[in-house]
Protein backbone atom coordinates (compact mmCIF):
# COMPACT_ATOMS: atom_id res chain seq x y z
CA UNK A 1 -3.08 11.73 -3.75
CA UNK A 2 -1.15 10.92 -7.02
CA UNK A 3 0.22 8.08 -7.66
CA UNK A 4 3.36 7.01 -9.79
CA UNK A 5 3.10 4.62 -12.77
CA UNK A 6 5.54 2.68 -14.85
CA UNK A 7 4.94 0.93 -17.94
CA UNK A 8 6.56 -1.39 -20.51
CA UNK A 9 7.44 -0.83 -24.32
CA UNK A 10 4.70 -2.08 -26.48
CA UNK A 11 7.31 -2.41 -29.20
CA UNK A 12 9.32 -5.24 -27.46
CA UNK A 13 10.04 -8.77 -29.31
CA UNK A 14 7.28 -11.43 -28.80
CA UNK A 15 8.72 -13.83 -25.97
CA UNK A 16 11.05 -10.88 -24.41
CA UNK A 17 7.90 -8.61 -23.32
CA UNK A 18 7.48 -10.59 -19.95
CA UNK A 19 11.40 -10.25 -18.90
CA UNK A 20 11.64 -6.01 -20.47
CA UNK A 21 8.44 -5.61 -18.21
CA UNK A 22 10.69 -7.29 -15.12
CA UNK A 23 13.27 -5.29 -15.57
CA UNK A 24 11.83 -1.69 -16.81
CA UNK A 25 10.41 -0.73 -13.48
CA UNK A 26 13.69 -1.91 -11.53
CA UNK A 27 15.86 0.31 -14.18
CA UNK A 28 13.57 3.23 -14.07
CA UNK A 29 13.58 3.45 -10.37
CA UNK A 30 17.33 3.45 -10.33
CA UNK A 31 17.69 5.76 -12.83
CA UNK A 32 15.03 8.27 -10.97
CA UNK A 33 17.32 7.41 -7.79
CA UNK A 34 14.65 5.77 -5.93
CA UNK A 35 15.40 3.66 -2.64
CA UNK A 36 12.32 1.23 -1.76
CA UNK A 37 13.91 0.25 1.22
CA UNK A 38 14.59 3.72 2.46
CA UNK A 39 10.48 4.54 1.52
CA UNK A 40 9.69 1.28 3.73
CA UNK A 41 12.05 2.76 6.85
CA UNK A 42 10.30 6.05 6.07
CA UNK A 43 6.73 5.06 6.19
CA UNK A 44 7.55 2.70 8.94
CA UNK A 45 8.83 5.38 11.09
CA UNK A 46 6.01 8.08 10.35
CA UNK A 47 3.21 5.21 11.50
CA UNK A 48 5.53 4.22 14.58
CA UNK A 49 5.56 7.89 15.93
CA UNK A 50 3.00 6.56 18.26
CA UNK A 51 4.02 3.87 20.69
CA UNK A 52 1.62 1.88 22.51
CA UNK A 53 3.99 -0.15 24.97
CA UNK A 54 5.74 3.46 26.12
CA UNK A 55 2.70 5.12 25.88
CA UNK A 56 4.03 8.03 24.06
CA UNK A 57 2.82 10.38 21.31
CA UNK A 58 5.01 12.46 19.25
CA UNK A 59 2.35 14.04 17.38
CA UNK A 60 1.44 15.57 20.82
CA UNK A 61 4.48 17.31 20.57
CA UNK A 62 4.84 19.78 17.86
CA UNK A 63 8.40 20.59 18.92
CA UNK A 64 9.26 17.09 18.32
CA UNK A 65 7.29 16.80 15.25
CA UNK A 66 9.53 19.38 14.05
CA UNK A 67 12.95 17.60 15.04
CA UNK A 68 11.62 14.24 13.44
CA UNK A 69 11.01 16.02 10.47
CA UNK A 70 14.41 17.86 10.00
CA UNK A 71 16.55 14.33 11.50
CA UNK A 72 15.22 12.66 8.16
CA UNK A 73 15.83 15.88 5.92
CA UNK A 74 12.14 16.22 4.80
CA UNK A 75 11.75 19.89 5.10
CA UNK A 76 9.05 22.11 6.62
CA UNK A 77 7.03 19.97 9.18
CA UNK A 78 3.01 20.56 8.70
CA UNK A 79 0.45 21.34 11.43
CA UNK A 80 0.52 18.02 13.57
CA UNK A 81 -2.79 17.55 13.97
CA UNK A 82 -3.23 17.11 10.28
CA UNK A 83 -0.69 14.29 10.22
CA UNK A 84 -1.85 12.98 12.92
CA UNK A 85 -4.94 12.42 11.03
CA UNK A 86 -3.07 11.00 8.06
CA UNK A 87 -1.09 8.54 10.01
CA UNK A 88 -3.84 7.19 12.20
CA UNK A 89 -5.71 6.43 8.59
CA UNK A 90 -2.93 4.96 6.94
CA UNK A 91 -2.33 2.67 10.36
CA UNK A 92 -6.20 1.60 10.18
CA UNK A 93 -5.57 0.71 6.53
CA UNK A 94 -2.38 -1.25 7.26
CA UNK A 95 -4.08 -2.98 10.18
CA UNK A 96 -7.08 -4.33 7.84
CA UNK A 97 -4.79 -5.39 5.43
CA UNK A 98 -2.74 -7.49 7.98
CA UNK A 99 -5.11 -8.81 9.57
CA UNK A 100 -8.53 -8.63 11.37
CA UNK A 101 -9.37 -4.68 11.54
CA UNK A 102 -9.18 -3.03 14.96
CA UNK A 103 -11.84 -0.55 13.38
CA UNK A 104 -14.15 -0.25 10.65
CA UNK A 105 -12.27 1.21 7.45
CA UNK A 106 -14.58 3.89 5.50
CA UNK A 107 -15.81 2.33 2.24
CA UNK A 108 -13.71 5.23 0.68
CA UNK A 109 -10.94 6.66 2.90
CA UNK A 110 -10.49 9.57 1.07
CA UNK A 111 -14.15 10.78 1.51
CA UNK A 112 -13.62 10.74 5.57
CA UNK A 113 -14.81 13.98 6.86
CA UNK A 114 -11.77 15.55 8.22
CA UNK A 115 -8.99 13.69 6.46
CA UNK A 116 -7.13 16.50 4.60
CA UNK A 117 -5.81 15.88 1.16
CA UNK A 118 -1.97 16.69 0.84
CA UNK A 119 -0.09 18.11 -2.03
CA UNK A 120 2.07 16.32 -3.87
CA UNK A 121 3.91 17.16 -7.18
CA UNK A 122 5.57 15.08 -10.39
CA UNK A 123 9.16 15.86 -11.73
CA UNK A 124 11.24 14.48 -13.96
CA UNK A 125 14.64 12.88 -12.68
CA UNK A 126 16.82 11.02 -14.39
CA UNK A 127 14.55 10.99 -17.34
CA UNK A 128 11.66 9.39 -14.97
CA UNK A 129 8.60 10.86 -13.33
CA UNK A 130 8.99 10.63 -9.98
CA UNK A 131 6.07 11.45 -7.65
CA UNK A 132 7.51 13.80 -4.39
CA UNK A 133 6.07 16.00 -1.37
CA UNK A 134 5.87 19.66 -1.14
CA UNK A 135 6.84 19.27 2.66
CA UNK A 136 7.35 16.49 5.32
CA UNK A 137 4.11 15.19 5.29
CA UNK A 138 4.03 14.95 1.63
CA UNK A 139 7.36 13.27 1.35
CA UNK A 140 5.60 10.73 3.65
CA UNK A 141 2.87 10.22 1.49
CA UNK A 142 4.80 10.29 -1.79
CA UNK A 143 6.94 7.45 -0.29
CA UNK A 144 3.64 5.50 1.03
CA UNK A 145 2.28 5.66 -2.59
CA UNK A 146 5.75 4.08 -4.25
CA UNK A 147 5.25 1.20 -1.87
CA UNK A 148 1.56 0.74 -2.97
CA UNK A 149 2.69 1.09 -6.97
CA UNK A 150 5.72 -1.21 -6.41
CA UNK A 151 3.69 -4.00 -4.39
CA UNK A 152 5.67 -3.24 -0.97
CA UNK A 153 2.69 -1.68 0.89
CA UNK A 154 0.47 -5.29 1.45
CA UNK A 155 3.65 -6.15 3.32
CA UNK A 156 3.27 -3.63 6.27
CA UNK A 157 1.11 -5.24 9.32
CA UNK A 158 0.65 -3.85 12.73
CA UNK A 159 1.46 -6.29 15.54
CA UNK A 160 -1.50 -7.86 17.40
CA UNK A 161 -0.27 -7.67 20.85
CA UNK A 162 -2.49 -5.24 22.37
CA UNK A 163 0.37 -3.61 24.14
CA UNK A 164 2.63 -3.33 21.31
CA UNK A 165 0.64 -2.20 17.66
CA UNK A 166 4.02 -1.86 16.43
CA UNK A 167 4.25 -1.30 12.36
CA UNK A 168 6.61 -3.79 10.93
CA UNK A 169 7.33 -4.80 7.14
CA UNK A 170 6.98 -8.60 6.73
CA UNK A 171 10.05 -9.94 4.72
CA UNK A 172 8.79 -13.70 5.43
CA UNK A 173 8.60 -15.50 1.37
CA UNK A 174 4.98 -16.33 1.80
CA UNK A 175 4.04 -13.24 3.74
CA UNK A 176 2.66 -15.18 6.86
CA UNK A 177 4.67 -12.94 9.67
CA UNK A 178 2.33 -12.12 12.46
CA UNK A 179 4.09 -10.49 14.96
CA UNK A 180 6.64 -7.60 15.38
CA UNK A 181 8.99 -9.89 17.36
CA UNK A 182 8.41 -13.61 17.91
CA UNK A 183 10.82 -13.76 20.60
CA UNK A 184 9.01 -11.06 22.57
CA UNK A 185 5.43 -10.77 21.34
CA UNK A 186 5.24 -14.21 19.92
CA UNK A 187 6.31 -15.78 23.21
CA UNK A 188 4.11 -13.43 25.25
CA UNK A 189 1.05 -14.92 23.31
CA UNK A 190 2.34 -18.14 23.44
CA UNK A 191 2.28 -18.00 27.10
CA UNK A 192 -0.75 -16.12 27.64
CA UNK A 193 -2.91 -18.99 25.48
CA UNK A 194 -0.95 -21.75 27.72
CA UNK A 195 -1.99 -20.23 30.91
CA UNK A 196 -5.67 -19.63 29.26
CA UNK A 197 -5.84 -23.50 28.50
CA UNK A 198 -4.32 -24.84 31.70
CA UNK A 199 -6.88 -22.43 33.61
CA UNK A 200 -9.94 -23.85 31.46
CA UNK A 201 -9.05 -27.32 32.47
């Protein structure tokens, strides 16, 4: 899978390079019509096509998976088995990045047997090279790659509540959010810990 790269102008006058480097990626993304919030929303929706709380698995339903892709304007829906392998791989990477891993992450996830590569392409949009997909799954992966290159990927986390496991985006300033919802999963964990402490005493 390719990634999108941006760079700064090496001819910028001394003392102004830092400011130019800070502005350039944002200006380039704007001219290319890229939307980070849309990328976050799309990737989260894909990672949450399995729901532990309700026990539902969208990728077990080829018709539902096709409808999911059409509703988001992603074009052709690839075979759902391949999509599930990619999604589960991404969720493993997110869980390893956001806290203790639930399973061992392979040393090189791209070499995992049975994990498909997926075609993406680079096109010029607004004078800027933009990574895009050739089908629905490629579009999701292109969005995920953009989140990596813009520093947003590490804010994706999976709620540690065993009956939840919902993927969410941590918007806290110091990236300290643990639960998808403190009012629901956080309070459940607090209550469980309190009961365990009372039982132990």
